[in-house]
Amino acid sequence: MAATLSAQRRLVVGKQVRGLRRQGLTPAVIYGHTIKPISISLDTREASTLLPTLTSTQFVEIILDAQPHSVLVRQKQRHPVDGHLLHVDFQEVSMLERFRANVQLDFFGDAPAVKFYNGSVVFHLEELDIEALPGDLPERIKVDLSGLTEIGSVIRVRDLILPAEVEVLDNMDDIVAVVTPPVVDEAEISQGGTAEPEVIEKGKKEEDF
């Protein structure tokens, strides 16, 4: 079930929106290629509680003039110092048209190469660029790390398991995660390389007369 937010139409624009924020309201806009942009305002407390819990592909129903608008959050502007929500852009989409989105990768499982070979897992991608009908957009894409069994083991985009309805727009050969060898302390190598090996003398030393 989609999350919901109540909204009201906003006539105030420009610098005057500061007054809205003092009233506990956050300015926002709904746009889409089939509608003209609609300026709205949201209850700041309600929006600040809900929006951080949503992924980039999770729909929100904005109730405006008793009518629901199915939207995705496209941009959130926050104050650079205190982090307070300043403005939100929503995109209304048609459920019958394919939609492009970046979906977060959700890594799980343990890589055996870390435990047995002291390797490190390096992540090259944190999200995937995909296209699908809005109803087929996954909220997250799970990535299992348990197949990383050796140093040099790699997960590529082509290895990810996705629904057939989802088209991947990234290069299929791009690396998602790779196991790198343990880091060796160069100082220890230097010290070890310059140390003289121990010599065990055989036989008796010549006695002094």
N, C-alpha and C. Protein backbone atom coordinates (compact mmCIF):
# COMPACT_ATOMS: atom_id res chain seq x y z
N MET A 1 0.85 -1.20 0.00
CA MET A 1 0.00 0.00 0.00
C MET A 1 0.88 1.24 0.00
N ALA A 2 0.58 2.20 -0.88
CA ALA A 2 1.39 3.40 -0.98
C ALA A 2 1.21 4.29 0.24
N ALA A 3 2.29 4.96 0.60
CA ALA A 3 2.21 5.95 1.68
C ALA A 3 1.42 7.15 1.18
N THR A 4 0.84 7.89 2.08
CA THR A 4 0.03 9.04 1.68
C THR A 4 0.49 10.31 2.40
N LEU A 5 0.34 11.42 1.71
CA LEU A 5 0.59 12.74 2.28
C LEU A 5 -0.56 13.66 1.88
N SER A 6 -1.01 14.46 2.81
CA SER A 6 -2.02 15.47 2.51
C SER A 6 -1.32 16.74 2.07
N ALA A 7 -1.92 17.44 1.10
CA ALA A 7 -1.32 18.66 0.58
C ALA A 7 -2.41 19.68 0.28
N GLN A 8 -1.99 20.92 0.17
CA GLN A 8 -2.90 21.98 -0.24
C GLN A 8 -2.22 22.82 -1.31
N ARG A 9 -3.02 23.43 -2.16
CA ARG A 9 -2.45 24.25 -3.24
C ARG A 9 -1.74 25.47 -2.64
N ARG A 10 -0.67 25.84 -3.31
CA ARG A 10 0.17 26.94 -2.80
C ARG A 10 0.20 28.07 -3.83
N LEU A 11 -0.17 29.26 -3.37
CA LEU A 11 -0.11 30.46 -4.20
C LEU A 11 1.16 31.26 -3.93
N VAL A 12 1.73 31.02 -2.75
CA VAL A 12 2.93 31.76 -2.35
C VAL A 12 4.15 31.17 -3.06
N VAL A 13 4.98 32.03 -3.65
CA VAL A 13 6.18 31.57 -4.35
C VAL A 13 7.35 32.49 -3.99
N GLY A 14 8.54 32.13 -4.48
CA GLY A 14 9.71 32.97 -4.26
C GLY A 14 10.09 33.09 -2.79
N LYS A 15 10.56 34.27 -2.41
CA LYS A 15 11.02 34.48 -1.04
C LYS A 15 9.89 34.43 -0.02
N GLN A 16 8.66 34.56 -0.49
CA GLN A 16 7.52 34.55 0.43
C GLN A 16 7.30 33.19 1.07
N VAL A 17 7.95 32.14 0.51
CA VAL A 17 7.73 30.80 1.08
C VAL A 17 8.34 30.69 2.47
N ARG A 18 9.21 31.63 2.84
CA ARG A 18 9.77 31.61 4.19
C ARG A 18 8.67 31.70 5.23
N GLY A 19 7.64 32.48 4.90
CA GLY A 19 6.51 32.59 5.81
C GLY A 19 5.79 31.26 5.98
N LEU A 20 5.70 30.48 4.91
CA LEU A 20 5.08 29.16 5.01
C LEU A 20 5.85 28.27 5.97
N ARG A 21 7.17 28.30 5.85
CA ARG A 21 8.01 27.45 6.71
C ARG A 21 7.84 27.82 8.18
N ARG A 22 7.68 29.10 8.45
CA ARG A 22 7.45 29.53 9.84
C ARG A 22 6.11 29.02 10.36
N GLN A 23 5.19 28.71 9.44
CA GLN A 23 3.88 28.18 9.83
C GLN A 23 3.89 26.64 9.92
N GLY A 24 5.07 26.04 9.72
CA GLY A 24 5.15 24.58 9.79
C GLY A 24 4.77 23.89 8.50
N LEU A 25 4.90 24.61 7.38
CA LEU A 25 4.58 24.06 6.07
C LEU A 25 5.82 24.03 5.20
N THR A 26 5.92 23.01 4.34
CA THR A 26 7.03 22.86 3.42
C THR A 26 6.55 23.04 1.99
N PRO A 27 7.12 23.96 1.22
CA PRO A 27 6.72 24.11 -0.18
C PRO A 27 7.18 22.92 -1.01
N ALA A 28 6.39 22.56 -2.01
CA ALA A 28 6.71 21.44 -2.89
C ALA A 28 6.05 21.67 -4.23
N VAL A 29 6.40 20.81 -5.20
CA VAL A 29 5.79 20.92 -6.52
C VAL A 29 5.57 19.51 -7.07
N ILE A 30 4.47 19.34 -7.79
CA ILE A 30 4.19 18.10 -8.52
C ILE A 30 4.31 18.41 -10.00
N TYR A 31 5.11 17.63 -10.73
CA TYR A 31 5.23 17.86 -12.17
C TYR A 31 5.16 16.51 -12.89
N GLY A 32 4.98 16.57 -14.19
CA GLY A 32 4.92 15.38 -15.04
C GLY A 32 4.72 15.84 -16.47
N HIS A 33 5.05 14.98 -17.43
CA HIS A 33 4.96 15.43 -18.82
C HIS A 33 3.52 15.54 -19.32
N THR A 34 2.56 15.03 -18.54
CA THR A 34 1.16 15.13 -18.96
C THR A 34 0.39 16.18 -18.17
N ILE A 35 1.04 16.84 -17.21
CA ILE A 35 0.35 17.84 -16.39
C ILE A 35 1.23 19.09 -16.26
N LYS A 36 0.58 20.20 -16.00
CA LYS A 36 1.32 21.41 -15.68
C LYS A 36 1.80 21.32 -14.23
N PRO A 37 2.96 21.90 -13.91
CA PRO A 37 3.44 21.85 -12.52
C PRO A 37 2.41 22.42 -11.55
N ILE A 38 2.24 21.76 -10.43
CA ILE A 38 1.29 22.18 -9.40
C ILE A 38 2.08 22.53 -8.16
N SER A 39 1.98 23.78 -7.71
CA SER A 39 2.65 24.21 -6.48
C SER A 39 1.79 23.82 -5.29
N ILE A 40 2.40 23.15 -4.34
CA ILE A 40 1.66 22.67 -3.17
C ILE A 40 2.46 22.96 -1.91
N SER A 41 1.84 22.76 -0.76
CA SER A 41 2.53 22.82 0.52
C SER A 41 2.14 21.60 1.33
N LEU A 42 3.11 21.12 2.13
CA LEU A 42 2.93 19.92 2.95
C LEU A 42 3.12 20.27 4.42
N ASP A 43 2.51 19.49 5.28
CA ASP A 43 2.79 19.62 6.70
C ASP A 43 4.24 19.17 6.93
N THR A 44 5.08 20.06 7.45
CA THR A 44 6.51 19.78 7.58
C THR A 44 6.78 18.57 8.47
N ARG A 45 6.09 18.48 9.58
CA ARG A 45 6.34 17.36 10.50
C ARG A 45 5.97 16.04 9.84
N GLU A 46 4.83 15.99 9.15
CA GLU A 46 4.39 14.76 8.48
C GLU A 46 5.36 14.37 7.37
N ALA A 47 5.77 15.36 6.56
CA ALA A 47 6.68 15.08 5.45
C ALA A 47 8.06 14.67 5.95
N SER A 48 8.55 15.33 6.98
CA SER A 48 9.88 15.02 7.51
C SER A 48 9.94 13.65 8.14
N THR A 49 8.80 13.14 8.61
CA THR A 49 8.75 11.80 9.18
C THR A 49 8.68 10.73 8.11
N LEU A 50 7.88 10.97 7.05
CA LEU A 50 7.64 9.95 6.03
C LEU A 50 8.75 9.86 4.98
N LEU A 51 9.16 10.99 4.43
CA LEU A 51 10.05 10.97 3.26
C LEU A 51 11.38 10.24 3.48
N PRO A 52 12.03 10.35 4.64
CA PRO A 52 13.30 9.63 4.81
C PRO A 52 13.16 8.10 4.77
N THR A 53 11.95 7.59 4.93
CA THR A 53 11.74 6.15 4.92
C THR A 53 11.52 5.58 3.52
N LEU A 54 11.40 6.44 2.52
CA LEU A 54 11.06 6.00 1.17
C LEU A 54 12.30 5.79 0.31
N THR A 55 12.23 4.81 -0.58
CA THR A 55 13.26 4.63 -1.58
C THR A 55 12.90 5.46 -2.81
N SER A 56 13.84 5.52 -3.77
CA SER A 56 13.62 6.34 -4.97
C SER A 56 12.54 5.76 -5.88
N THR A 57 12.12 4.52 -5.65
CA THR A 57 11.10 3.91 -6.50
C THR A 57 9.82 3.56 -5.73
N GLN A 58 9.69 4.12 -4.56
CA GLN A 58 8.50 3.85 -3.75
C GLN A 58 7.48 4.97 -3.93
N PHE A 59 6.27 4.61 -4.31
CA PHE A 59 5.25 5.60 -4.62
C PHE A 59 4.63 6.21 -3.36
N VAL A 60 4.22 7.47 -3.54
CA VAL A 60 3.49 8.20 -2.52
C VAL A 60 2.20 8.70 -3.15
N GLU A 61 1.12 8.63 -2.42
CA GLU A 61 -0.14 9.22 -2.89
C GLU A 61 -0.32 10.55 -2.19
N ILE A 62 -0.27 11.62 -2.97
CA ILE A 62 -0.52 12.94 -2.42
C ILE A 62 -1.99 13.27 -2.64
N ILE A 63 -2.67 13.54 -1.54
CA ILE A 63 -4.09 13.86 -1.60
C ILE A 63 -4.23 15.37 -1.71
N LEU A 64 -4.69 15.82 -2.88
CA LEU A 64 -4.82 17.24 -3.16
C LEU A 64 -6.22 17.51 -3.70
N ASP A 65 -6.94 18.37 -3.05
CA ASP A 65 -8.33 18.66 -3.45
C ASP A 65 -9.15 17.38 -3.53
N ALA A 66 -8.93 16.50 -2.56
CA ALA A 66 -9.64 15.22 -2.44
C ALA A 66 -9.32 14.24 -3.57
N GLN A 67 -8.31 14.56 -4.37
CA GLN A 67 -7.90 13.68 -5.47
C GLN A 67 -6.50 13.13 -5.21
N PRO A 68 -6.28 11.80 -5.44
CA PRO A 68 -4.95 11.24 -5.22
C PRO A 68 -4.05 11.44 -6.44
N HIS A 69 -2.79 11.73 -6.19
CA HIS A 69 -1.77 11.82 -7.23
C HIS A 69 -0.66 10.83 -6.88
N SER A 70 -0.46 9.85 -7.76
CA SER A 70 0.61 8.87 -7.53
C SER A 70 1.93 9.46 -8.01
N VAL A 71 2.86 9.65 -7.08
CA VAL A 71 4.10 10.35 -7.41
C VAL A 71 5.30 9.61 -6.82
N LEU A 72 6.46 9.97 -7.36
CA LEU A 72 7.74 9.55 -6.80
C LEU A 72 8.50 10.79 -6.34
N VAL A 73 9.28 10.63 -5.29
CA VAL A 73 10.11 11.73 -4.82
C VAL A 73 11.32 11.84 -5.74
N ARG A 74 11.50 12.99 -6.35
CA ARG A 74 12.62 13.18 -7.28
C ARG A 74 13.74 14.00 -6.67
N GLN A 75 13.42 14.93 -5.80
CA GLN A 75 14.47 15.74 -5.18
C GLN A 75 13.98 16.30 -3.85
N LYS A 76 14.88 16.28 -2.85
CA LYS A 76 14.60 16.89 -1.56
C LYS A 76 15.70 17.90 -1.26
N GLN A 77 15.31 19.12 -0.98
CA GLN A 77 16.28 20.15 -0.62
C GLN A 77 16.23 20.37 0.89
N ARG A 78 17.42 20.36 1.51
CA ARG A 78 17.51 20.54 2.95
C ARG A 78 18.43 21.71 3.28
N HIS A 79 18.22 22.27 4.45
CA HIS A 79 19.07 23.36 4.91
C HIS A 79 20.48 22.83 5.12
N PRO A 80 21.51 23.51 4.62
CA PRO A 80 22.87 22.97 4.71
C PRO A 80 23.42 22.88 6.13
N VAL A 81 22.82 23.62 7.08
CA VAL A 81 23.33 23.61 8.45
C VAL A 81 22.51 22.70 9.36
N ASP A 82 21.21 22.95 9.44
CA ASP A 82 20.39 22.19 10.39
C ASP A 82 19.68 20.99 9.76
N GLY A 83 19.74 20.86 8.42
CA GLY A 83 19.15 19.69 7.77
C GLY A 83 17.64 19.73 7.63
N HIS A 84 17.00 20.83 7.99
CA HIS A 84 15.54 20.92 7.89
C HIS A 84 15.10 20.87 6.43
N LEU A 85 13.95 20.23 6.21
CA LEU A 85 13.40 20.09 4.87
C LEU A 85 12.95 21.46 4.34
N LEU A 86 13.44 21.84 3.14
CA LEU A 86 13.13 23.13 2.56
C LEU A 86 12.15 23.05 1.39
N HIS A 87 12.30 22.02 0.55
CA HIS A 87 11.48 21.92 -0.66
C HIS A 87 11.54 20.49 -1.18
N VAL A 88 10.44 20.05 -1.81
CA VAL A 88 10.38 18.69 -2.36
C VAL A 88 9.82 18.75 -3.78
N ASP A 89 10.48 18.01 -4.69
CA ASP A 89 9.96 17.84 -6.04
C ASP A 89 9.38 16.43 -6.16
N PHE A 90 8.12 16.35 -6.63
CA PHE A 90 7.46 15.08 -6.88
C PHE A 90 7.19 14.95 -8.38
N GLN A 91 7.35 13.73 -8.89
CA GLN A 91 7.01 13.48 -10.29
C GLN A 91 5.83 12.53 -10.37
N GLU A 92 4.77 12.98 -11.04
CA GLU A 92 3.62 12.13 -11.25
C GLU A 92 3.86 11.29 -12.50
N VAL A 93 3.59 10.00 -12.41
CA VAL A 93 3.87 9.10 -13.53
C VAL A 93 2.60 8.33 -13.90
N SER A 94 2.58 7.94 -15.16
CA SER A 94 1.49 7.09 -15.65
C SER A 94 1.86 5.63 -15.39
N MET A 95 0.94 4.88 -14.86
CA MET A 95 1.20 3.47 -14.57
C MET A 95 1.31 2.64 -15.84
N LEU A 96 1.00 3.24 -17.00
CA LEU A 96 1.04 2.52 -18.27
C LEU A 96 2.27 2.85 -19.10
N GLU A 97 3.13 3.73 -18.58
CA GLU A 97 4.33 4.13 -19.32
C GLU A 97 5.58 3.68 -18.57
N ARG A 98 6.57 3.17 -19.34
CA ARG A 98 7.83 2.74 -18.74
C ARG A 98 8.55 3.94 -18.14
N PHE A 99 9.23 3.66 -17.05
CA PHE A 99 9.81 4.73 -16.25
C PHE A 99 11.25 4.38 -15.92
N ARG A 100 12.13 5.37 -15.97
CA ARG A 100 13.55 5.17 -15.66
C ARG A 100 13.83 5.62 -14.23
N ALA A 101 14.61 4.80 -13.52
CA ALA A 101 14.90 5.14 -12.13
C ALA A 101 16.21 4.49 -11.70
N ASN A 102 16.82 5.07 -10.67
CA ASN A 102 17.99 4.48 -10.02
C ASN A 102 17.53 3.76 -8.77
N VAL A 103 17.85 2.46 -8.69
CA VAL A 103 17.38 1.64 -7.59
C VAL A 103 18.58 1.25 -6.71
N GLN A 104 18.39 1.39 -5.42
CA GLN A 104 19.47 1.10 -4.47
C GLN A 104 19.76 -0.40 -4.42
N LEU A 105 21.06 -0.75 -4.33
CA LEU A 105 21.48 -2.13 -4.15
C LEU A 105 21.52 -2.45 -2.66
N ASP A 106 20.96 -3.58 -2.29
CA ASP A 106 20.89 -4.00 -0.89
C ASP A 106 21.78 -5.23 -0.72
N PHE A 107 22.97 -5.05 -0.16
CA PHE A 107 23.94 -6.13 -0.01
C PHE A 107 23.65 -6.94 1.25
N PHE A 108 23.73 -8.27 1.12
CA PHE A 108 23.51 -9.13 2.28
C PHE A 108 24.40 -10.37 2.18
N GLY A 109 24.53 -11.08 3.28
CA GLY A 109 25.36 -12.28 3.31
C GLY A 109 26.81 -11.95 3.60
N ASP A 110 27.58 -13.00 3.94
CA ASP A 110 29.00 -12.85 4.25
C ASP A 110 29.85 -13.43 3.13
N ALA A 111 30.91 -12.72 2.78
CA ALA A 111 31.83 -13.18 1.75
C ALA A 111 32.88 -14.11 2.39
N PRO A 112 32.90 -15.40 2.04
CA PRO A 112 33.87 -16.33 2.64
C PRO A 112 35.32 -15.88 2.47
N ALA A 113 35.62 -15.17 1.39
CA ALA A 113 37.00 -14.73 1.15
C ALA A 113 37.48 -13.77 2.23
N VAL A 114 36.56 -13.08 2.88
CA VAL A 114 36.95 -12.18 3.96
C VAL A 114 37.38 -12.99 5.18
N LYS A 115 36.63 -14.03 5.50
CA LYS A 115 36.92 -14.85 6.68
C LYS A 115 38.15 -15.72 6.48
N PHE A 116 38.26 -16.37 5.33
CA PHE A 116 39.30 -17.39 5.14
C PHE A 116 40.60 -16.84 4.54
N TYR A 117 40.50 -15.74 3.80
CA TYR A 117 41.70 -15.22 3.15
C TYR A 117 42.01 -13.77 3.54
N ASN A 118 41.27 -13.26 4.52
CA ASN A 118 41.50 -11.90 5.01
C ASN A 118 41.36 -10.85 3.90
N GLY A 119 40.50 -11.15 2.92
CA GLY A 119 40.27 -10.20 1.83
C GLY A 119 39.33 -9.09 2.25
N SER A 120 39.18 -8.11 1.39
CA SER A 120 38.27 -7.00 1.63
C SER A 120 37.31 -6.88 0.45
N VAL A 121 36.02 -6.67 0.75
CA VAL A 121 35.03 -6.47 -0.31
C VAL A 121 34.97 -4.98 -0.65
N VAL A 122 35.22 -4.66 -1.91
CA VAL A 122 35.16 -3.28 -2.39
C VAL A 122 33.92 -3.14 -3.28
N PHE A 123 33.09 -2.16 -2.96
CA PHE A 123 31.84 -1.95 -3.69
C PHE A 123 32.04 -0.86 -4.73
N HIS A 124 31.73 -1.17 -5.99
CA HIS A 124 31.88 -0.23 -7.09
C HIS A 124 30.55 0.45 -7.45
N LEU A 125 29.43 -0.20 -7.16
CA LEU A 125 28.11 0.37 -7.44
C LEU A 125 27.26 0.32 -6.19
N GLU A 126 26.48 1.36 -5.96
CA GLU A 126 25.54 1.39 -4.86
C GLU A 126 24.09 1.39 -5.34
N GLU A 127 23.90 1.68 -6.63
CA GLU A 127 22.57 1.66 -7.20
C GLU A 127 22.65 1.26 -8.67
N LEU A 128 21.50 0.89 -9.23
CA LEU A 128 21.43 0.41 -10.60
C LEU A 128 20.44 1.26 -11.38
N ASP A 129 20.81 1.59 -12.61
CA ASP A 129 19.96 2.37 -13.49
C ASP A 129 19.07 1.40 -14.28
N ILE A 130 17.75 1.49 -14.08
CA ILE A 130 16.84 0.54 -14.71
C ILE A 130 15.66 1.26 -15.34
N GLU A 131 14.87 0.49 -16.10
CA GLU A 131 13.65 1.02 -16.70
C GLU A 131 12.58 -0.05 -16.62
N ALA A 132 11.37 0.35 -16.27
CA ALA A 132 10.25 -0.60 -16.17
C ALA A 132 8.96 0.18 -16.02
N LEU A 133 7.84 -0.51 -16.13
CA LEU A 133 6.57 0.11 -15.78
C LEU A 133 6.59 0.46 -14.30
N PRO A 134 5.95 1.54 -13.89
CA PRO A 134 5.99 1.95 -12.49
C PRO A 134 5.61 0.84 -11.52
N GLY A 135 4.64 0.03 -11.89
CA GLY A 135 4.23 -1.04 -10.99
C GLY A 135 5.23 -2.17 -10.85
N ASP A 136 6.21 -2.22 -11.77
CA ASP A 136 7.23 -3.28 -11.74
C ASP A 136 8.55 -2.81 -11.14
N LEU A 137 8.64 -1.53 -10.77
CA LEU A 137 9.89 -1.03 -10.22
C LEU A 137 10.16 -1.64 -8.85
N PRO A 138 11.29 -2.31 -8.67
CA PRO A 138 11.62 -2.84 -7.34
C PRO A 138 12.05 -1.72 -6.41
N GLU A 139 11.74 -1.86 -5.12
CA GLU A 139 12.16 -0.85 -4.15
C GLU A 139 13.67 -0.93 -3.93
N ARG A 140 14.20 -2.15 -3.92
CA ARG A 140 15.64 -2.39 -3.77
C ARG A 140 16.01 -3.63 -4.58
N ILE A 141 17.29 -3.75 -4.90
CA ILE A 141 17.80 -4.93 -5.58
C ILE A 141 18.77 -5.63 -4.65
N LYS A 142 18.45 -6.85 -4.28
CA LYS A 142 19.28 -7.58 -3.32
C LYS A 142 20.51 -8.17 -4.03
N VAL A 143 21.65 -8.12 -3.35
CA VAL A 143 22.90 -8.64 -3.87
C VAL A 143 23.51 -9.55 -2.81
N ASP A 144 23.64 -10.84 -3.13
CA ASP A 144 24.16 -11.84 -2.19
C ASP A 144 25.68 -11.90 -2.30
N LEU A 145 26.36 -11.66 -1.18
CA LEU A 145 27.83 -11.66 -1.17
C LEU A 145 28.43 -13.03 -0.87
N SER A 146 27.59 -14.03 -0.60
CA SER A 146 28.12 -15.33 -0.19
C SER A 146 28.87 -16.05 -1.31
N GLY A 147 28.73 -15.60 -2.55
CA GLY A 147 29.45 -16.22 -3.66
C GLY A 147 30.86 -15.70 -3.84
N LEU A 148 31.26 -14.73 -3.03
CA LEU A 148 32.62 -14.20 -3.10
C LEU A 148 33.53 -15.09 -2.25
N THR A 149 34.03 -16.15 -2.84
CA THR A 149 34.74 -17.20 -2.09
C THR A 149 36.26 -17.06 -2.12
N GLU A 150 36.80 -16.30 -3.07
CA GLU A 150 38.25 -16.22 -3.21
C GLU A 150 38.69 -14.78 -3.46
N ILE A 151 39.97 -14.53 -3.27
CA ILE A 151 40.53 -13.24 -3.63
C ILE A 151 40.35 -13.06 -5.15
N GLY A 152 39.83 -11.93 -5.53
CA GLY A 152 39.56 -11.67 -6.95
C GLY A 152 38.16 -12.03 -7.39
N SER A 153 37.36 -12.67 -6.53
CA SER A 153 35.98 -12.98 -6.88
C SER A 153 35.21 -11.69 -7.16
N VAL A 154 34.35 -11.74 -8.19
CA VAL A 154 33.68 -10.53 -8.66
C VAL A 154 32.18 -10.78 -8.84
N ILE A 155 31.38 -9.78 -8.51
CA ILE A 155 29.97 -9.75 -8.87
C ILE A 155 29.80 -8.64 -9.89
N ARG A 156 29.29 -8.99 -11.07
CA ARG A 156 29.05 -8.00 -12.12
C ARG A 156 27.55 -7.75 -12.25
N VAL A 157 27.21 -6.72 -12.98
CA VAL A 157 25.80 -6.37 -13.17
C VAL A 157 25.04 -7.55 -13.75
N ARG A 158 25.66 -8.29 -14.67
CA ARG A 158 24.97 -9.42 -15.30
C ARG A 158 24.67 -10.55 -14.32
N ASP A 159 25.31 -10.56 -13.16
CA ASP A 159 25.09 -11.60 -12.17
C ASP A 159 23.88 -11.32 -11.27
N LEU A 160 23.35 -10.12 -11.33
CA LEU A 160 22.24 -9.75 -10.45
C LEU A 160 20.94 -10.39 -10.93
N ILE A 161 20.12 -10.77 -9.97
CA ILE A 161 18.84 -11.40 -10.28
C ILE A 161 17.74 -10.34 -10.25
N LEU A 162 17.10 -10.14 -11.41
CA LEU A 162 16.08 -9.11 -11.55
C LEU A 162 14.84 -9.69 -12.21
N PRO A 163 13.68 -9.10 -11.95
CA PRO A 163 12.46 -9.54 -12.65
C PRO A 163 12.61 -9.35 -14.15
N ALA A 164 11.93 -10.21 -14.91
CA ALA A 164 12.03 -10.15 -16.37
C ALA A 164 11.50 -8.83 -16.92
N GLU A 165 10.61 -8.18 -16.19
CA GLU A 165 10.00 -6.94 -16.67
C GLU A 165 10.94 -5.74 -16.54
N VAL A 166 12.04 -5.93 -15.85
CA VAL A 166 12.96 -4.82 -15.58
C VAL A 166 14.11 -4.84 -16.58
N GLU A 167 14.36 -3.71 -17.23
CA GLU A 167 15.48 -3.58 -18.16
C GLU A 167 16.62 -2.82 -17.48
N VAL A 168 17.80 -3.42 -17.52
CA VAL A 168 18.97 -2.79 -16.93
C VAL A 168 19.62 -1.87 -17.96
N LEU A 169 19.91 -0.63 -17.57
CA LEU A 169 20.51 0.34 -18.48
C LEU A 169 22.02 0.48 -18.27
N ASP A 170 22.52 -0.02 -17.16
CA ASP A 170 23.96 -0.02 -16.92
C ASP A 170 24.64 -1.05 -17.81
N ASN A 171 25.95 -0.91 -17.98
CA ASN A 171 26.74 -1.90 -18.71
C ASN A 171 26.73 -3.22 -17.95
N MET A 172 26.40 -4.30 -18.61
CA MET A 172 26.27 -5.59 -17.93
C MET A 172 27.61 -6.11 -17.41
N ASP A 173 28.73 -5.59 -17.93
CA ASP A 173 30.04 -6.02 -17.46
C ASP A 173 30.58 -5.17 -16.32
N ASP A 174 29.85 -4.13 -15.93
CA ASP A 174 30.31 -3.29 -14.83
C ASP A 174 30.42 -4.10 -13.54
N ILE A 175 31.44 -3.81 -12.77
CA ILE A 175 31.66 -4.52 -11.50
C ILE A 175 30.80 -3.90 -10.41
N VAL A 176 30.10 -4.76 -9.69
CA VAL A 176 29.30 -4.34 -8.54
C VAL A 176 30.13 -4.43 -7.27
N ALA A 177 30.80 -5.57 -7.07
CA ALA A 177 31.63 -5.78 -5.89
C ALA A 177 32.76 -6.74 -6.24
N VAL A 178 33.92 -6.58 -5.60
CA VAL A 178 35.08 -7.43 -5.86
C VAL A 178 35.85 -7.62 -4.56
N VAL A 179 36.48 -8.79 -4.43
CA VAL A 179 37.31 -9.07 -3.26
C VAL A 179 38.76 -8.74 -3.59
N THR A 180 39.35 -7.88 -2.79
CA THR A 180 40.75 -7.51 -2.98
C THR A 180 41.62 -8.19 -1.93
N PRO A 181 42.92 -8.38 -2.23
CA PRO A 181 43.81 -9.05 -1.27
C PRO A 181 44.04 -8.21 -0.03
N PRO A 182 44.50 -8.85 1.05
CA PRO A 182 44.78 -8.10 2.27
C PRO A 182 45.88 -7.08 2.05
N VAL A 183 45.80 -6.00 2.77
CA VAL A 183 46.81 -4.95 2.67
C VAL A 183 48.03 -5.37 3.48
N VAL A 184 49.20 -5.31 2.84
CA VAL A 184 50.45 -5.68 3.51
C VAL A 184 51.17 -4.41 3.91
N ASP A 185 51.65 -4.39 5.16
CA ASP A 185 52.38 -3.24 5.68
C ASP A 185 53.74 -3.15 5.00
N GLU A 186 53.95 -2.07 4.22
CA GLU A 186 55.20 -1.92 3.48
C GLU A 186 56.39 -1.79 4.42
N ALA A 187 56.16 -1.22 5.60
CA ALA A 187 57.25 -1.07 6.57
C ALA A 187 57.76 -2.43 7.02
N GLU A 188 56.79 -3.37 7.23
CA GLU A 188 57.19 -4.71 7.66
C GLU A 188 57.97 -5.41 6.56
N ILE A 189 57.52 -5.19 5.28
CA ILE A 189 58.23 -5.81 4.17
C ILE A 189 59.66 -5.28 4.10
N SER A 190 59.80 -3.97 4.29
CA SER A 190 61.12 -3.34 4.22
C SER A 190 62.03 -3.87 5.32
N GLN A 191 61.49 -3.96 6.52
CA GLN A 191 62.29 -4.46 7.64
C GLN A 191 62.66 -5.92 7.42
N GLY A 192 61.71 -6.68 6.93
CA GLY A 192 61.98 -8.10 6.70
C GLY A 192 62.98 -8.31 5.59
N GLY A 193 62.96 -7.42 4.57
CA GLY A 193 63.86 -7.59 3.44
C GLY A 193 65.29 -7.23 3.77
N THR A 194 65.47 -6.35 4.75
CA THR A 194 66.83 -5.92 5.07
C THR A 194 67.45 -6.73 6.19
N ALA A 195 66.67 -7.53 6.85
CA ALA A 195 67.21 -8.31 7.96
C ALA A 195 68.15 -9.39 7.43
N GLU A 196 69.25 -9.53 8.11
CA GLU A 196 70.21 -10.55 7.72
C GLU A 196 69.76 -11.90 8.24
N PRO A 197 69.82 -12.95 7.44
CA PRO A 197 69.41 -14.27 7.93
C PRO A 197 70.38 -14.78 8.98
N GLU A 198 69.82 -15.55 9.88
CA GLU A 198 70.66 -16.13 10.93
C GLU A 198 71.53 -17.23 10.34
N VAL A 199 72.84 -17.23 10.67
CA VAL A 199 73.78 -18.23 10.16
C VAL A 199 74.18 -19.15 11.30
N ILE A 200 74.06 -20.42 11.10
CA ILE A 200 74.47 -21.40 12.11
C ILE A 200 75.83 -21.94 11.70
N GLU A 201 76.84 -21.67 12.50
CA GLU A 201 78.19 -22.11 12.19
C GLU A 201 78.36 -23.57 12.54
N LYS A 202 79.03 -24.26 11.70
CA LYS A 202 79.29 -25.67 11.94
C LYS A 202 80.77 -25.87 12.26
N GLY A 203 81.09 -26.83 13.10
CA GLY A 203 82.47 -27.17 13.43
C GLY A 203 83.01 -26.26 14.53
N LYS A 204 84.21 -26.51 14.90
CA LYS A 204 84.85 -25.78 15.96
C LYS A 204 85.59 -24.59 15.38
N LYS A 205 85.59 -23.48 16.15
CA LYS A 205 86.39 -22.34 15.74
C LYS A 205 87.87 -22.64 15.96
N GLU A 206 88.70 -22.04 15.16
CA GLU A 206 90.14 -22.24 15.32
C GLU A 206 90.62 -21.59 16.62
N GLU A 207 91.34 -22.38 17.42
CA GLU A 207 91.81 -21.86 18.69
C GLU A 207 93.02 -20.96 18.47
N ASP A 208 93.08 -19.95 19.33
CA ASP A 208 94.24 -19.05 19.29
C ASP A 208 95.40 -19.66 20.06
N PHE A 209 96.63 -19.60 19.54
CA PHE A 209 97.80 -20.14 20.21
C PHE A 209 98.69 -19.00 20.66
